[in-house]
Amino acid sequence: MGQLLEVRWHARGGQGAKTAALLLAEAAAKAGKYIQGFPEYGPERMGAPILAFNRLSDEPIRVHSHVEEPDVVVVLDPTLIGSANITAGLRENGKVLVNTAKSPAEVKKRLKLTTQQVYTVDASKIALETLGKDIPNTPMMGALIRVSNAMDFNRFRDLMKDELEKKFRHKPEVIEGNMAAIERAYREVKGE
């Protein structure tokens, strides 16, 4: 990946988009990438729509603004489709990754996309089965790595394990659950 990869996350407060963007940035930095990872939200409360952003590159990143023309849009809450303009600025060859049990073809039709690729993964189901909670952020990260080819999955998995061990060192079940969620979503993501 010699070029800049720009990702825009759409979610609701409490779904972990901010955490996912920051964890992805940490992992990418440790993999030797230049990175940016930041959220955009104000006084919103749990359940309110939020945005988060990532930029990853092998070269220094000179842009310091919101992601206006994403290469990949990640949607953690499918109810945002139709209520938020999630495809705004999406590049002609861009990709959309949605947390849903629906097929990529169904989502593509609903979004009225023509040239862009659509991917789906039931991250909520994976999260419930691996973590016991509907927090789809880590499964969506696994799917994003598969869809974007941002970095080698095995390297990403190892770096994520290190990050999670730092954050949850006294909760091994949380580490194991998140790692299982990442790996399952990487395997189960579907594209049209």
N, C-alpha and C. Protein backbone atom coordinates (compact mmCIF):
# COMPACT_ATOMS: atom_id res chain seq x y z
N MET A 1 0.84 -1.18 0.00
CA MET A 1 0.00 0.00 0.00
C MET A 1 0.88 1.23 0.00
N GLY A 2 1.26 1.73 -1.17
CA GLY A 2 2.09 2.90 -1.23
C GLY A 2 1.30 4.18 -1.14
N GLN A 3 0.03 4.13 -1.41
CA GLN A 3 -0.77 5.35 -1.41
C GLN A 3 -1.53 5.52 -0.11
N LEU A 4 -2.15 6.65 0.00
CA LEU A 4 -2.93 6.99 1.18
C LEU A 4 -4.27 6.25 1.16
N LEU A 5 -4.61 5.61 2.27
CA LEU A 5 -5.91 4.97 2.44
C LEU A 5 -6.70 5.79 3.44
N GLU A 6 -7.88 6.26 3.03
CA GLU A 6 -8.72 7.08 3.91
C GLU A 6 -10.00 6.31 4.24
N VAL A 7 -10.30 6.24 5.55
CA VAL A 7 -11.45 5.48 6.05
C VAL A 7 -12.34 6.41 6.86
N ARG A 8 -13.64 6.33 6.62
CA ARG A 8 -14.61 7.06 7.44
C ARG A 8 -15.54 6.05 8.09
N TRP A 9 -15.64 6.14 9.41
CA TRP A 9 -16.49 5.26 10.21
C TRP A 9 -17.80 5.99 10.54
N HIS A 10 -18.93 5.30 10.35
CA HIS A 10 -20.24 5.81 10.74
C HIS A 10 -20.79 4.87 11.81
N ALA A 11 -21.21 5.43 12.92
CA ALA A 11 -21.73 4.60 14.02
C ALA A 11 -22.62 5.45 14.91
N ARG A 12 -23.05 4.83 15.97
CA ARG A 12 -23.76 5.54 17.03
C ARG A 12 -22.90 5.48 18.28
N GLY A 13 -23.02 6.50 19.11
CA GLY A 13 -22.26 6.54 20.35
C GLY A 13 -22.44 5.26 21.14
N GLY A 14 -21.36 4.66 21.58
CA GLY A 14 -21.40 3.43 22.36
C GLY A 14 -21.10 2.17 21.57
N GLN A 15 -20.99 2.30 20.23
CA GLN A 15 -20.70 1.13 19.41
C GLN A 15 -19.21 0.90 19.22
N GLY A 16 -18.40 1.83 19.66
CA GLY A 16 -16.96 1.63 19.62
C GLY A 16 -16.23 2.13 18.38
N ALA A 17 -16.84 3.00 17.58
CA ALA A 17 -16.16 3.50 16.38
C ALA A 17 -14.91 4.30 16.74
N LYS A 18 -15.01 5.14 17.75
CA LYS A 18 -13.84 5.92 18.18
C LYS A 18 -12.73 4.98 18.62
N THR A 19 -13.06 4.00 19.42
CA THR A 19 -12.07 3.04 19.89
C THR A 19 -11.46 2.27 18.73
N ALA A 20 -12.29 1.85 17.78
CA ALA A 20 -11.79 1.11 16.63
C ALA A 20 -10.81 1.96 15.81
N ALA A 21 -11.16 3.22 15.56
CA ALA A 21 -10.28 4.10 14.78
C ALA A 21 -8.95 4.29 15.49
N LEU A 22 -8.99 4.45 16.81
CA LEU A 22 -7.75 4.65 17.56
C LEU A 22 -6.93 3.37 17.66
N LEU A 23 -7.58 2.22 17.86
CA LEU A 23 -6.86 0.94 17.90
C LEU A 23 -6.23 0.62 16.54
N LEU A 24 -6.97 0.88 15.47
CA LEU A 24 -6.43 0.66 14.12
C LEU A 24 -5.21 1.54 13.90
N ALA A 25 -5.30 2.78 14.33
CA ALA A 25 -4.17 3.71 14.19
C ALA A 25 -2.95 3.21 14.96
N GLU A 26 -3.17 2.75 16.19
CA GLU A 26 -2.06 2.22 17.00
C GLU A 26 -1.41 1.02 16.33
N ALA A 27 -2.22 0.10 15.86
CA ALA A 27 -1.69 -1.10 15.21
C ALA A 27 -0.92 -0.73 13.94
N ALA A 28 -1.49 0.16 13.14
CA ALA A 28 -0.83 0.58 11.90
C ALA A 28 0.50 1.28 12.18
N ALA A 29 0.53 2.10 13.22
CA ALA A 29 1.78 2.79 13.59
C ALA A 29 2.84 1.78 13.98
N LYS A 30 2.45 0.78 14.75
CA LYS A 30 3.41 -0.25 15.15
C LYS A 30 3.85 -1.12 13.98
N ALA A 31 3.05 -1.16 12.93
CA ALA A 31 3.41 -1.90 11.72
C ALA A 31 4.28 -1.05 10.80
N GLY A 32 4.60 0.18 11.24
CA GLY A 32 5.48 1.04 10.47
C GLY A 32 4.78 1.98 9.51
N LYS A 33 3.47 2.11 9.64
CA LYS A 33 2.71 3.00 8.77
C LYS A 33 2.65 4.40 9.37
N TYR A 34 2.45 5.37 8.53
CA TYR A 34 2.08 6.71 8.99
C TYR A 34 0.58 6.67 9.16
N ILE A 35 0.08 7.28 10.22
CA ILE A 35 -1.33 7.12 10.54
C ILE A 35 -1.97 8.38 11.07
N GLN A 36 -3.29 8.38 10.99
CA GLN A 36 -4.14 9.33 11.70
C GLN A 36 -5.38 8.55 12.13
N GLY A 37 -5.85 8.81 13.31
CA GLY A 37 -7.08 8.20 13.78
C GLY A 37 -7.74 9.16 14.76
N PHE A 38 -8.96 9.59 14.45
CA PHE A 38 -9.62 10.57 15.31
C PHE A 38 -11.13 10.52 15.12
N PRO A 39 -11.87 10.86 16.18
CA PRO A 39 -13.33 10.90 16.09
C PRO A 39 -13.81 12.33 15.84
N GLU A 40 -15.09 12.43 15.47
CA GLU A 40 -15.76 13.72 15.40
C GLU A 40 -17.08 13.56 16.14
N TYR A 41 -17.19 14.24 17.23
CA TYR A 41 -18.45 14.25 17.95
C TYR A 41 -18.44 15.43 18.89
N GLY A 42 -19.60 15.86 19.26
CA GLY A 42 -19.75 16.99 20.19
C GLY A 42 -20.37 16.49 21.47
N PRO A 43 -21.42 17.13 21.90
CA PRO A 43 -22.04 16.75 23.16
C PRO A 43 -23.02 15.58 23.01
N GLU A 44 -22.87 14.80 21.92
CA GLU A 44 -23.79 13.70 21.69
C GLU A 44 -23.79 12.72 22.85
N ARG A 45 -24.84 12.00 22.93
CA ARG A 45 -24.97 10.99 23.98
C ARG A 45 -25.01 9.61 23.34
N MET A 46 -25.05 8.62 24.20
CA MET A 46 -25.13 7.23 23.76
C MET A 46 -26.25 7.09 22.74
N GLY A 47 -25.94 6.50 21.59
CA GLY A 47 -26.94 6.28 20.56
C GLY A 47 -27.00 7.34 19.48
N ALA A 48 -26.36 8.48 19.70
CA ALA A 48 -26.37 9.53 18.68
C ALA A 48 -25.35 9.20 17.58
N PRO A 49 -25.62 9.59 16.33
CA PRO A 49 -24.67 9.32 15.25
C PRO A 49 -23.33 10.01 15.50
N ILE A 50 -22.25 9.29 15.21
CA ILE A 50 -20.91 9.85 15.31
C ILE A 50 -20.09 9.44 14.09
N LEU A 51 -19.00 10.14 13.89
CA LEU A 51 -18.05 9.80 12.84
C LEU A 51 -16.68 9.59 13.47
N ALA A 52 -15.89 8.75 12.83
CA ALA A 52 -14.48 8.59 13.19
C ALA A 52 -13.72 8.42 11.88
N PHE A 53 -12.43 8.68 11.91
CA PHE A 53 -11.65 8.70 10.67
C PHE A 53 -10.30 8.04 10.87
N ASN A 54 -9.78 7.47 9.77
CA ASN A 54 -8.41 6.96 9.73
C ASN A 54 -7.78 7.34 8.41
N ARG A 55 -6.50 7.58 8.49
CA ARG A 55 -5.66 7.68 7.31
C ARG A 55 -4.45 6.79 7.57
N LEU A 56 -4.07 5.97 6.59
CA LEU A 56 -2.91 5.10 6.70
C LEU A 56 -2.10 5.24 5.42
N SER A 57 -0.78 5.28 5.57
CA SER A 57 0.08 5.42 4.41
C SER A 57 1.48 4.92 4.73
N ASP A 58 2.22 4.59 3.69
CA ASP A 58 3.64 4.25 3.85
C ASP A 58 4.50 5.50 3.83
N GLU A 59 3.89 6.62 3.50
CA GLU A 59 4.61 7.90 3.41
C GLU A 59 3.96 8.90 4.36
N PRO A 60 4.68 9.94 4.75
CA PRO A 60 4.10 10.94 5.66
C PRO A 60 2.78 11.49 5.13
N ILE A 61 1.85 11.72 6.05
CA ILE A 61 0.52 12.23 5.71
C ILE A 61 0.52 13.73 5.96
N ARG A 62 0.21 14.49 4.94
CA ARG A 62 0.27 15.94 5.04
C ARG A 62 -1.12 16.59 5.16
N VAL A 63 -2.17 15.79 5.08
CA VAL A 63 -3.53 16.27 5.19
C VAL A 63 -3.95 16.20 6.65
N HIS A 64 -4.57 17.27 7.14
CA HIS A 64 -5.03 17.31 8.53
C HIS A 64 -6.45 17.86 8.58
N SER A 65 -7.39 17.04 8.13
CA SER A 65 -8.80 17.45 8.12
C SER A 65 -9.65 16.18 8.16
N HIS A 66 -10.95 16.37 8.19
CA HIS A 66 -11.85 15.22 8.12
C HIS A 66 -11.64 14.51 6.80
N VAL A 67 -12.02 13.27 6.74
CA VAL A 67 -11.95 12.50 5.50
C VAL A 67 -13.18 12.87 4.67
N GLU A 68 -12.95 13.61 3.61
CA GLU A 68 -14.04 14.07 2.75
C GLU A 68 -14.34 13.10 1.61
N GLU A 69 -13.30 12.42 1.11
CA GLU A 69 -13.44 11.49 -0.02
C GLU A 69 -12.85 10.14 0.38
N PRO A 70 -13.60 9.37 1.18
CA PRO A 70 -13.05 8.12 1.68
C PRO A 70 -12.86 7.05 0.61
N ASP A 71 -11.84 6.23 0.83
CA ASP A 71 -11.65 5.04 0.02
C ASP A 71 -12.57 3.94 0.54
N VAL A 72 -12.76 3.93 1.86
CA VAL A 72 -13.61 2.93 2.50
C VAL A 72 -14.51 3.63 3.52
N VAL A 73 -15.79 3.27 3.50
CA VAL A 73 -16.75 3.72 4.50
C VAL A 73 -17.14 2.49 5.31
N VAL A 74 -17.03 2.60 6.62
CA VAL A 74 -17.38 1.50 7.52
C VAL A 74 -18.63 1.92 8.31
N VAL A 75 -19.68 1.11 8.25
CA VAL A 75 -20.94 1.44 8.90
C VAL A 75 -21.22 0.40 9.99
N LEU A 76 -21.11 0.84 11.25
CA LEU A 76 -21.34 -0.06 12.37
C LEU A 76 -22.81 -0.25 12.67
N ASP A 77 -23.64 0.73 12.34
CA ASP A 77 -25.07 0.65 12.61
C ASP A 77 -25.84 0.80 11.30
N PRO A 78 -26.43 -0.29 10.80
CA PRO A 78 -27.12 -0.22 9.51
C PRO A 78 -28.33 0.69 9.50
N THR A 79 -28.85 1.08 10.68
CA THR A 79 -29.98 2.02 10.70
C THR A 79 -29.56 3.40 10.23
N LEU A 80 -28.27 3.65 10.13
CA LEU A 80 -27.79 4.94 9.62
C LEU A 80 -27.98 5.05 8.11
N ILE A 81 -28.13 3.91 7.45
CA ILE A 81 -28.39 3.94 6.01
C ILE A 81 -29.77 4.55 5.80
N GLY A 82 -29.82 5.61 5.07
CA GLY A 82 -31.08 6.31 4.84
C GLY A 82 -31.26 7.51 5.75
N SER A 83 -30.67 7.48 6.94
CA SER A 83 -30.82 8.64 7.83
C SER A 83 -29.57 9.51 7.82
N ALA A 84 -28.45 8.97 7.38
CA ALA A 84 -27.21 9.74 7.24
C ALA A 84 -26.68 9.51 5.84
N ASN A 85 -26.01 10.47 5.28
CA ASN A 85 -25.47 10.33 3.93
C ASN A 85 -24.12 9.63 4.03
N ILE A 86 -24.16 8.32 4.23
CA ILE A 86 -22.92 7.58 4.48
C ILE A 86 -22.02 7.48 3.25
N THR A 87 -22.57 7.65 2.07
CA THR A 87 -21.74 7.54 0.87
C THR A 87 -21.24 8.90 0.36
N ALA A 88 -21.49 9.96 1.09
CA ALA A 88 -21.04 11.30 0.66
C ALA A 88 -19.55 11.29 0.39
N GLY A 89 -19.16 11.72 -0.80
CA GLY A 89 -17.76 11.84 -1.16
C GLY A 89 -17.06 10.53 -1.46
N LEU A 90 -17.75 9.39 -1.35
CA LEU A 90 -17.12 8.09 -1.59
C LEU A 90 -16.53 8.05 -2.99
N ARG A 91 -15.30 7.64 -3.05
CA ARG A 91 -14.61 7.58 -4.36
C ARG A 91 -15.33 6.62 -5.31
N GLU A 92 -15.15 6.87 -6.59
CA GLU A 92 -15.80 6.07 -7.63
C GLU A 92 -15.46 4.59 -7.49
N ASN A 93 -14.22 4.31 -7.07
CA ASN A 93 -13.80 2.92 -6.87
C ASN A 93 -13.77 2.56 -5.38
N GLY A 94 -14.53 3.31 -4.58
CA GLY A 94 -14.53 3.10 -3.14
C GLY A 94 -15.25 1.84 -2.70
N LYS A 95 -15.15 1.59 -1.40
CA LYS A 95 -15.74 0.39 -0.82
C LYS A 95 -16.58 0.79 0.39
N VAL A 96 -17.69 0.09 0.57
CA VAL A 96 -18.55 0.29 1.72
C VAL A 96 -18.63 -1.05 2.45
N LEU A 97 -18.38 -1.00 3.76
CA LEU A 97 -18.43 -2.18 4.61
C LEU A 97 -19.51 -1.95 5.66
N VAL A 98 -20.55 -2.81 5.68
CA VAL A 98 -21.70 -2.59 6.56
C VAL A 98 -21.89 -3.78 7.50
N ASN A 99 -22.16 -3.47 8.75
CA ASN A 99 -22.53 -4.46 9.76
C ASN A 99 -24.00 -4.80 9.55
N THR A 100 -24.25 -5.92 8.88
CA THR A 100 -25.62 -6.35 8.61
C THR A 100 -25.64 -7.82 8.22
N ALA A 101 -26.79 -8.44 8.40
CA ALA A 101 -26.98 -9.82 7.94
C ALA A 101 -27.42 -9.83 6.47
N LYS A 102 -27.72 -8.66 5.90
CA LYS A 102 -28.16 -8.57 4.51
C LYS A 102 -26.98 -8.86 3.57
N SER A 103 -27.33 -9.20 2.35
CA SER A 103 -26.29 -9.49 1.35
C SER A 103 -25.69 -8.19 0.82
N PRO A 104 -24.47 -8.26 0.31
CA PRO A 104 -23.88 -7.07 -0.31
C PRO A 104 -24.75 -6.51 -1.44
N ALA A 105 -25.37 -7.39 -2.23
CA ALA A 105 -26.22 -6.92 -3.34
C ALA A 105 -27.42 -6.13 -2.83
N GLU A 106 -28.04 -6.58 -1.73
CA GLU A 106 -29.18 -5.86 -1.15
C GLU A 106 -28.75 -4.47 -0.68
N VAL A 107 -27.60 -4.39 -0.02
CA VAL A 107 -27.12 -3.11 0.50
C VAL A 107 -26.73 -2.19 -0.64
N LYS A 108 -26.08 -2.73 -1.65
CA LYS A 108 -25.67 -1.92 -2.80
C LYS A 108 -26.88 -1.30 -3.48
N LYS A 109 -27.93 -2.10 -3.63
CA LYS A 109 -29.16 -1.60 -4.25
C LYS A 109 -29.78 -0.49 -3.40
N ARG A 110 -29.82 -0.70 -2.09
CA ARG A 110 -30.41 0.30 -1.18
C ARG A 110 -29.61 1.60 -1.22
N LEU A 111 -28.29 1.49 -1.33
CA LEU A 111 -27.44 2.69 -1.37
C LEU A 111 -27.38 3.32 -2.76
N LYS A 112 -27.94 2.63 -3.75
CA LYS A 112 -27.95 3.13 -5.14
C LYS A 112 -26.53 3.38 -5.66
N LEU A 113 -25.65 2.43 -5.38
CA LEU A 113 -24.27 2.54 -5.84
C LEU A 113 -24.12 1.82 -7.17
N THR A 114 -23.19 2.30 -7.99
CA THR A 114 -22.96 1.65 -9.29
C THR A 114 -21.54 1.12 -9.41
N THR A 115 -20.55 1.96 -9.21
CA THR A 115 -19.17 1.54 -9.42
C THR A 115 -18.47 1.06 -8.15
N GLN A 116 -19.01 1.38 -6.99
CA GLN A 116 -18.35 1.04 -5.73
C GLN A 116 -18.67 -0.41 -5.33
N GLN A 117 -17.77 -0.98 -4.54
CA GLN A 117 -17.96 -2.33 -4.02
C GLN A 117 -18.60 -2.27 -2.64
N VAL A 118 -19.46 -3.23 -2.35
CA VAL A 118 -20.12 -3.30 -1.06
C VAL A 118 -19.80 -4.64 -0.40
N TYR A 119 -19.49 -4.57 0.88
CA TYR A 119 -19.17 -5.75 1.68
C TYR A 119 -20.06 -5.74 2.92
N THR A 120 -20.44 -6.92 3.35
CA THR A 120 -21.24 -7.03 4.57
C THR A 120 -20.68 -8.12 5.48
N VAL A 121 -20.90 -7.92 6.76
CA VAL A 121 -20.55 -8.92 7.76
C VAL A 121 -21.50 -8.70 8.93
N ASP A 122 -21.98 -9.78 9.52
CA ASP A 122 -22.89 -9.65 10.66
C ASP A 122 -22.06 -9.50 11.93
N ALA A 123 -21.47 -8.32 12.08
CA ALA A 123 -20.58 -8.04 13.21
C ALA A 123 -21.32 -8.05 14.53
N SER A 124 -22.58 -7.65 14.53
CA SER A 124 -23.36 -7.68 15.77
C SER A 124 -23.54 -9.11 16.27
N LYS A 125 -23.86 -10.01 15.36
CA LYS A 125 -24.01 -11.42 15.72
C LYS A 125 -22.68 -11.98 16.23
N ILE A 126 -21.61 -11.67 15.52
CA ILE A 126 -20.29 -12.15 15.94
C ILE A 126 -19.95 -11.61 17.32
N ALA A 127 -20.20 -10.33 17.55
CA ALA A 127 -19.91 -9.72 18.86
C ALA A 127 -20.72 -10.38 19.97
N LEU A 128 -22.00 -10.61 19.71
CA LEU A 128 -22.85 -11.26 20.72
C LEU A 128 -22.34 -12.67 21.04
N GLU A 129 -21.90 -13.39 20.02
CA GLU A 129 -21.46 -14.77 20.22
C GLU A 129 -20.05 -14.87 20.83
N THR A 130 -19.21 -13.87 20.61
CA THR A 130 -17.83 -13.95 21.12
C THR A 130 -17.60 -13.10 22.36
N LEU A 131 -18.36 -12.00 22.48
CA LEU A 131 -18.16 -11.07 23.59
C LEU A 131 -19.36 -11.02 24.55
N GLY A 132 -20.50 -11.49 24.08
CA GLY A 132 -21.70 -11.42 24.90
C GLY A 132 -22.36 -10.06 24.89
N LYS A 133 -21.89 -9.15 24.03
CA LYS A 133 -22.44 -7.79 23.92
C LYS A 133 -22.44 -7.37 22.46
N ASP A 134 -23.43 -6.57 22.09
CA ASP A 134 -23.49 -6.06 20.72
C ASP A 134 -22.63 -4.81 20.59
N ILE A 135 -21.33 -5.02 20.60
CA ILE A 135 -20.37 -3.94 20.36
C ILE A 135 -19.56 -4.39 19.14
N PRO A 136 -19.96 -3.92 17.94
CA PRO A 136 -19.42 -4.46 16.70
C PRO A 136 -18.07 -3.91 16.24
N ASN A 137 -17.40 -3.10 17.05
CA ASN A 137 -16.21 -2.43 16.56
C ASN A 137 -15.06 -3.38 16.22
N THR A 138 -14.72 -4.32 17.10
CA THR A 138 -13.57 -5.18 16.79
C THR A 138 -13.86 -6.12 15.63
N PRO A 139 -15.06 -6.71 15.53
CA PRO A 139 -15.28 -7.51 14.33
C PRO A 139 -15.18 -6.67 13.05
N MET A 140 -15.68 -5.45 13.10
CA MET A 140 -15.60 -4.60 11.91
C MET A 140 -14.16 -4.28 11.53
N MET A 141 -13.27 -4.20 12.53
CA MET A 141 -11.86 -3.99 12.23
C MET A 141 -11.28 -5.17 11.47
N GLY A 142 -11.62 -6.39 11.89
CA GLY A 142 -11.15 -7.57 11.18
C GLY A 142 -11.63 -7.58 9.74
N ALA A 143 -12.91 -7.25 9.54
CA ALA A 143 -13.47 -7.19 8.18
C ALA A 143 -12.80 -6.09 7.37
N LEU A 144 -12.54 -4.94 8.00
CA LEU A 144 -11.89 -3.83 7.30
C LEU A 144 -10.51 -4.22 6.79
N ILE A 145 -9.75 -4.93 7.59
CA ILE A 145 -8.42 -5.36 7.15
C ILE A 145 -8.54 -6.24 5.91
N ARG A 146 -9.52 -7.11 5.89
CA ARG A 146 -9.73 -7.99 4.73
C ARG A 146 -10.13 -7.19 3.50
N VAL A 147 -11.07 -6.26 3.67
CA VAL A 147 -11.62 -5.48 2.56
C VAL A 147 -10.60 -4.49 2.00
N SER A 148 -9.82 -3.87 2.88
CA SER A 148 -8.92 -2.79 2.46
C SER A 148 -7.51 -3.23 2.13
N ASN A 149 -7.11 -4.40 2.60
CA ASN A 149 -5.71 -4.84 2.46
C ASN A 149 -4.75 -3.80 3.03
N ALA A 150 -5.16 -3.13 4.09
CA ALA A 150 -4.35 -2.07 4.69
C ALA A 150 -3.03 -2.61 5.26
N MET A 151 -3.06 -3.86 5.72
CA MET A 151 -1.84 -4.49 6.23
C MET A 151 -2.05 -5.99 6.28
N ASP A 152 -0.99 -6.72 6.46
CA ASP A 152 -1.06 -8.16 6.57
C ASP A 152 -1.91 -8.54 7.78
N PHE A 153 -2.86 -9.46 7.58
CA PHE A 153 -3.77 -9.80 8.65
C PHE A 153 -3.07 -10.41 9.86
N ASN A 154 -2.11 -11.30 9.63
CA ASN A 154 -1.42 -11.93 10.76
C ASN A 154 -0.68 -10.90 11.59
N ARG A 155 -0.07 -9.94 10.93
CA ARG A 155 0.63 -8.87 11.65
C ARG A 155 -0.38 -8.01 12.42
N PHE A 156 -1.49 -7.68 11.77
CA PHE A 156 -2.54 -6.90 12.42
C PHE A 156 -3.06 -7.64 13.66
N ARG A 157 -3.34 -8.93 13.50
CA ARG A 157 -3.86 -9.74 14.62
C ARG A 157 -2.90 -9.72 15.80
N ASP A 158 -1.61 -9.89 15.52
CA ASP A 158 -0.62 -9.88 16.60
C ASP A 158 -0.55 -8.52 17.29
N LEU A 159 -0.60 -7.46 16.51
CA LEU A 159 -0.55 -6.11 17.07
C LEU A 159 -1.81 -5.81 17.88
N MET A 160 -2.96 -6.26 17.39
CA MET A 160 -4.21 -6.04 18.13
C MET A 160 -4.19 -6.81 19.45
N LYS A 161 -3.64 -8.00 19.43
CA LYS A 161 -3.56 -8.77 20.68
C LYS A 161 -2.72 -8.01 21.69
N ASP A 162 -1.59 -7.46 21.24
CA ASP A 162 -0.74 -6.66 22.14
C ASP A 162 -1.50 -5.47 22.70
N GLU A 163 -2.24 -4.75 21.84
CA GLU A 163 -3.00 -3.58 22.29
C GLU A 163 -4.08 -3.97 23.30
N LEU A 164 -4.79 -5.04 23.00
CA LEU A 164 -5.86 -5.49 23.90
C LEU A 164 -5.30 -5.99 25.22
N GLU A 165 -4.13 -6.62 25.19
CA GLU A 165 -3.51 -7.09 26.43
C GLU A 165 -3.12 -5.91 27.33
N LYS A 166 -2.71 -4.81 26.72
CA LYS A 166 -2.40 -3.62 27.52
C LYS A 166 -3.66 -3.04 28.15
N LYS A 167 -4.72 -2.97 27.35
CA LYS A 167 -5.96 -2.34 27.79
C LYS A 167 -6.75 -3.21 28.78
N PHE A 168 -6.73 -4.53 28.56
CA PHE A 168 -7.55 -5.44 29.36
C PHE A 168 -6.71 -6.53 30.03
N ARG A 169 -5.55 -6.17 30.53
CA ARG A 169 -4.63 -7.18 31.08
C ARG A 169 -5.24 -8.01 32.20
N HIS A 170 -6.22 -7.48 32.90
CA HIS A 170 -6.84 -8.22 34.00
C HIS A 170 -8.16 -8.88 33.58
N LYS A 171 -8.44 -8.86 32.29
CA LYS A 171 -9.67 -9.46 31.77
C LYS A 171 -9.35 -10.32 30.55
N PRO A 172 -8.72 -11.48 30.76
CA PRO A 172 -8.33 -12.32 29.62
C PRO A 172 -9.50 -12.75 28.74
N GLU A 173 -10.70 -12.86 29.32
CA GLU A 173 -11.87 -13.25 28.53
C GLU A 173 -12.23 -12.17 27.51
N VAL A 174 -11.98 -10.92 27.85
CA VAL A 174 -12.25 -9.82 26.92
C VAL A 174 -11.26 -9.86 25.76
N ILE A 175 -10.01 -10.15 26.08
CA ILE A 175 -8.97 -10.26 25.04
C ILE A 175 -9.33 -11.41 24.10
N GLU A 176 -9.62 -12.58 24.66
CA GLU A 176 -9.95 -13.76 23.85
C GLU A 176 -11.19 -13.52 23.00
N GLY A 177 -12.22 -12.92 23.58
CA GLY A 177 -13.45 -12.65 22.85
C GLY A 177 -13.24 -11.70 21.69
N ASN A 178 -12.48 -10.63 21.92
CA ASN A 178 -12.20 -9.67 20.85
C ASN A 178 -11.35 -10.29 19.75
N MET A 179 -10.37 -11.09 20.11
CA MET A 179 -9.53 -11.74 19.10
C MET A 179 -10.36 -12.71 18.26
N ALA A 180 -11.24 -13.46 18.90
CA ALA A 180 -12.13 -14.37 18.16
C ALA A 180 -13.04 -13.59 17.23
N ALA A 181 -13.55 -12.44 17.70
CA ALA A 181 -14.43 -11.61 16.88
C ALA A 181 -13.70 -11.07 15.65
N ILE A 182 -12.48 -10.60 15.84
CA ILE A 182 -11.68 -10.08 14.73
C ILE A 182 -11.45 -11.17 13.68
N GLU A 183 -11.04 -12.34 14.14
CA GLU A 183 -10.73 -13.43 13.22
C GLU A 183 -11.98 -13.93 12.48
N ARG A 184 -13.10 -14.05 13.19
CA ARG A 184 -14.33 -14.50 12.54
C ARG A 184 -14.79 -13.51 11.47
N ALA A 185 -14.78 -12.24 11.80
CA ALA A 185 -15.25 -11.24 10.82
C ALA A 185 -14.33 -11.20 9.61
N TYR A 186 -13.04 -11.37 9.82
CA TYR A 186 -12.09 -11.42 8.69
C TYR A 186 -12.47 -12.57 7.75
N ARG A 187 -12.83 -13.69 8.32
CA ARG A 187 -13.20 -14.87 7.52
C ARG A 187 -14.60 -14.74 6.91
N GLU A 188 -15.55 -14.14 7.64
CA GLU A 188 -16.95 -14.16 7.23
C GLU A 188 -17.42 -13.00 6.38
N VAL A 189 -16.61 -11.96 6.21
CA VAL A 189 -17.04 -10.81 5.40
C VAL A 189 -17.32 -11.26 3.97
N LYS A 190 -18.42 -10.72 3.39
CA LYS A 190 -18.83 -11.07 2.04
C LYS A 190 -18.80 -9.84 1.17
N GLY A 191 -18.40 -10.01 -0.09
CA GLY A 191 -18.38 -8.91 -1.04
C GLY A 191 -19.17 -9.24 -2.28
N GLU A 192 -19.67 -8.21 -2.96
CA GLU A 192 -20.44 -8.44 -4.18
C GLU A 192 -19.54 -8.41 -5.38
